[in-house]
C-alpha atoms as a PDB file:
ATOM      1  CA  MET A   1      84.694 -61.456-100.083  1.00  0.00           C
ATOM      2  CA  TYR A   2      88.410 -62.096 -99.928  1.00  0.00           C
ATOM      3  CA  ALA A   3      91.618 -60.314 -99.035  1.00  0.00           C
ATOM      4  CA  VAL A   4      95.303 -60.757 -99.823  1.00  0.00           C
ATOM      5  CA  ILE A   5      97.527 -60.584 -96.743  1.00  0.00           C
ATOM      6  CA  ARG A   6     101.303 -60.633 -96.361  1.00  0.00           C
ATOM      7  CA  THR A   7     102.888 -62.584 -93.512  1.00  0.00           C
ATOM      8  CA  GLY A   8     106.162 -64.427 -93.176  1.00  0.00           C
ATOM      9  CA  GLY A   9     107.461 -63.037 -96.467  1.00  0.00           C
ATOM     10  CA  LYS A  10     104.633 -64.659 -98.453  1.00  0.00           C
ATOM     11  CA  GLN A  11     101.227 -63.550 -99.686  1.00  0.00           C
ATOM     12  CA  TYR A  12      98.004 -65.463 -99.052  1.00  0.00           C
ATOM     13  CA  ARG A  13      94.497 -65.067-100.497  1.00  0.00           C
ATOM     14  CA  VAL A  14      92.086 -65.569 -97.597  1.00  0.00           C
ATOM     15  CA  ALA A  15      88.320 -65.479 -97.154  1.00  0.00           C
ATOM     16  CA  PRO A  16      86.224 -65.767 -93.973  1.00  0.00           C
ATOM     17  CA  GLY A  17      86.034 -69.412 -92.894  1.00  0.00           C
ATOM     18  CA  ASP A  18      89.258 -70.503 -94.616  1.00  0.00           C
ATOM     19  CA  VAL A  19      91.923 -72.565 -92.836  1.00  0.00           C
ATOM     20  CA  VAL A  20      95.402 -71.562 -94.020  1.00  0.00           C
ATOM     21  CA  LYS A  21      98.902 -72.844 -93.219  1.00  0.00           C
ATOM     22  CA  ILE A  22     101.238 -69.874 -92.785  1.00  0.00           C
ATOM     23  CA  GLU A  23     104.810 -69.468 -91.617  1.00  0.00           C
ATOM     24  CA  LYS A  24     105.188 -69.966 -87.871  1.00  0.00           C
ATOM     25  CA  THR A  25     104.077 -66.852 -85.980  1.00  0.00           C
ATOM     26  CA  ALA A  26     103.462 -65.994 -82.358  1.00  0.00           C
ATOM     27  CA  ALA A  27      99.839 -65.694 -81.208  1.00  0.00           C
ATOM     28  CA  ASP A  28      98.182 -63.893 -78.282  1.00  0.00           C
ATOM     29  CA  ASP A  29      97.370 -65.653 -75.022  1.00  0.00           C
ATOM     30  CA  ASN A  30      93.896 -66.590 -76.244  1.00  0.00           C
ATOM     31  CA  GLY A  31      95.233 -67.858 -79.603  1.00  0.00           C
ATOM     32  CA  SER A  32      94.094 -64.964 -81.798  1.00  0.00           C
ATOM     33  CA  ILE A  33      96.157 -63.329 -84.544  1.00  0.00           C
ATOM     34  CA  GLU A  34      95.533 -60.008 -86.286  1.00  0.00           C
ATOM     35  CA  PHE A  35      96.965 -59.430 -89.764  1.00  0.00           C
ATOM     36  CA  SER A  36      97.175 -55.706 -90.466  1.00  0.00           C
ATOM     37  CA  ASP A  37      99.274 -55.941 -93.648  1.00  0.00           C
ATOM     38  CA  VAL A  38      96.367 -56.264 -96.104  1.00  0.00           C
ATOM     39  CA  LEU A  39      97.440 -55.677 -99.710  1.00  0.00           C
ATOM     40  CA  VAL A  40      94.131 -56.002-101.585  1.00  0.00           C
ATOM     41  CA  ALA A  41      90.497 -56.498-100.595  1.00  0.00           C
ATOM     42  CA  SER A  42      87.469 -57.444-102.675  1.00  0.00           C
ATOM     43  CA  GLY A  43      83.978 -56.795-101.352  1.00  0.00           C
ATOM     44  CA  GLU A  44      81.962 -57.626-104.452  1.00  0.00           C
ATOM     45  CA  THR A  45      82.618 -59.828-107.438  1.00  0.00           C
ATOM     46  CA  GLY A  46      84.791 -58.084-109.975  1.00  0.00           C
ATOM     47  CA  SER A  47      85.907 -55.196-107.765  1.00  0.00           C
ATOM     48  CA  VAL A  48      89.388 -55.177-106.250  1.00  0.00           C
ATOM     49  CA  ALA A  49      90.814 -52.219-104.343  1.00  0.00           C
ATOM     50  CA  LYS A  50      93.623 -51.321-101.985  1.00  0.00           C
ATOM     51  CA  PRO A  51      91.945 -50.440 -98.684  1.00  0.00           C
ATOM     52  CA  SER A  52      93.030 -47.478 -96.588  1.00  0.00           C
ATOM     53  CA  SER A  53      92.436 -49.329 -93.318  1.00  0.00           C
ATOM     54  CA  ALA A  54      91.902 -53.073 -93.164  1.00  0.00           C
ATOM     55  CA  LYS A  55      92.723 -56.018 -90.943  1.00  0.00           C
ATOM     56  CA  VAL A  56      92.090 -59.732 -90.869  1.00  0.00           C
ATOM     57  CA  LEU A  57      91.271 -61.531 -87.609  1.00  0.00           C
ATOM     58  CA  ALA A  58      92.098 -65.219 -87.152  1.00  0.00           C
ATOM     59  CA  THR A  59      92.595 -67.859 -84.463  1.00  0.00           C
ATOM     60  CA  VAL A  60      95.237 -70.560 -84.233  1.00  0.00           C
ATOM     61  CA  VAL A  61      93.969 -74.055 -85.048  1.00  0.00           C
ATOM     62  CA  GLY A  62      97.279 -75.881 -84.691  1.00  0.00           C
ATOM     63  CA  GLU A  63     101.011 -75.841 -85.199  1.00  0.00           C
ATOM     64  CA  GLY A  64     103.325 -78.345 -86.795  1.00  0.00           C
ATOM     65  CA  ARG A  65     106.184 -79.037 -89.111  1.00  0.00           C
ATOM     66  CA  GLY A  66     106.061 -79.974 -92.764  1.00  0.00           C
ATOM     67  CA  ASP A  67     107.512 -83.035 -94.447  1.00  0.00           C
ATOM     68  CA  LYS A  68     111.182 -83.392 -95.159  1.00  0.00           C
ATOM     69  CA  VAL A  69     112.333 -82.153 -98.529  1.00  0.00           C
ATOM     70  CA  LEU A  70     113.064 -84.920-101.041  1.00  0.00           C
ATOM     71  CA  VAL A  71     116.182 -84.106-103.084  1.00  0.00           C
ATOM     72  CA  PHE A  72     117.308 -86.067-106.130  1.00  0.00           C
ATOM     73  CA  HIS A  73     121.026 -86.379-106.782  1.00  0.00           C
ATOM     74  CA  TYR A  74     122.330 -87.792-110.021  1.00  0.00           C
ATOM     75  CA  LYS A  75     125.396 -89.903-110.403  1.00  0.00           C
ATOM     76  CA  ARG A  76     126.035 -91.714-113.621  1.00  0.00           C
ATOM     77  CA  LYS A  77     124.219 -95.097-113.697  1.00  0.00           C
ATOM     78  CA  LYS A  78     123.377 -94.756-110.001  1.00  0.00           C
ATOM     79  CA  GLN A  79     120.361 -92.542-109.398  1.00  0.00           C
ATOM     80  CA  TYR A  80     119.406 -92.191-105.772  1.00  0.00           C
ATOM     81  CA  LYS A  81     117.130 -90.133-103.565  1.00  0.00           C
ATOM     82  CA  LYS A  82     118.176 -88.343-100.440  1.00  0.00           C
ATOM     83  CA  LEU A  83     116.054 -86.801 -97.695  1.00  0.00           C
ATOM     84  CA  GLN A  84     117.248 -83.339 -96.772  1.00  0.00           C
ATOM     85  CA  GLY A  85     117.056 -82.633 -93.047  1.00  0.00           C
ATOM     86  CA  HIS A  86     114.968 -79.422 -93.116  1.00  0.00           C
ATOM     87  CA  ARG A  87     111.312 -79.413 -92.008  1.00  0.00           C
ATOM     88  CA  GLN A  88     109.580 -76.031 -92.215  1.00  0.00           C
ATOM     89  CA  ALA A  89     107.503 -75.028 -89.170  1.00  0.00           C
ATOM     90  CA  PHE A  90     103.971 -73.736 -89.808  1.00  0.00           C
ATOM     91  CA  THR A  91     100.983 -72.344 -87.951  1.00  0.00           C
ATOM     92  CA  GLN A  92      97.497 -73.320 -89.086  1.00  0.00           C
ATOM     93  CA  VAL A  93      94.961 -70.494 -88.664  1.00  0.00           C
ATOM     94  CA  ARG A  94      91.213 -70.127 -89.267  1.00  0.00           C
ATOM     95  CA  ILE A  95      90.102 -66.775 -90.695  1.00  0.00           C
ATOM     96  CA  HIS A  96      87.101 -65.397 -88.760  1.00  0.00           C
ATOM     97  CA  GLU A  97      86.500 -61.939 -90.169  1.00  0.00           C
ATOM     98  CA  ILE A  98      87.848 -59.315 -92.521  1.00  0.00           C
ATOM     99  CA  GLN A  99      87.407 -55.650 -91.594  1.00  0.00           C
ATOM    100  CA  VAL A 100      87.741 -53.228 -94.511  1.00  0.00           C
ATOM    101  CA  ASP A 101      87.127 -49.474 -94.135  1.00  0.00           C
ATOM    102  CA  GLY A 102      84.466 -49.936 -91.435  1.00  0.00           C
ATOM    103  CA  ALA A 103      82.695 -52.904 -93.073  1.00  0.00           C
ATOM    104  CA  THR A 104      82.960 -56.355 -91.469  1.00  0.00           C
ATOM    105  CA  TYR A 105      82.736 -59.613 -93.419  1.00  0.00           C
ATOM    106  CA  ARG A 106      82.250 -62.864 -91.478  1.00  0.00           C
ATOM    107  CA  ALA A 107      81.876 -66.507 -92.446  1.00  0.00           C
END
């Protein structure tokens, strides 16, 4: 069982029990997140369908920031590397269950 969710302008393929790094999002007081923008869900092997009502429930494992971006500049006979100053913030979540049209799939 897996589902494709959209959050933070990106799409992620998630299954129950997965730990995924997504764009930084706000969580509830108890650290739970509900993804209601489910694009595709697959209940059995080989069958993929767009569900009429589906949601993915997850909890926050941690938050952090990624590594700095390494940019290569080229000047003739003098190649050098430069670290760009941007570090993208992320939220690490663990997927607990996927609810699709009344059926619940857990890890």
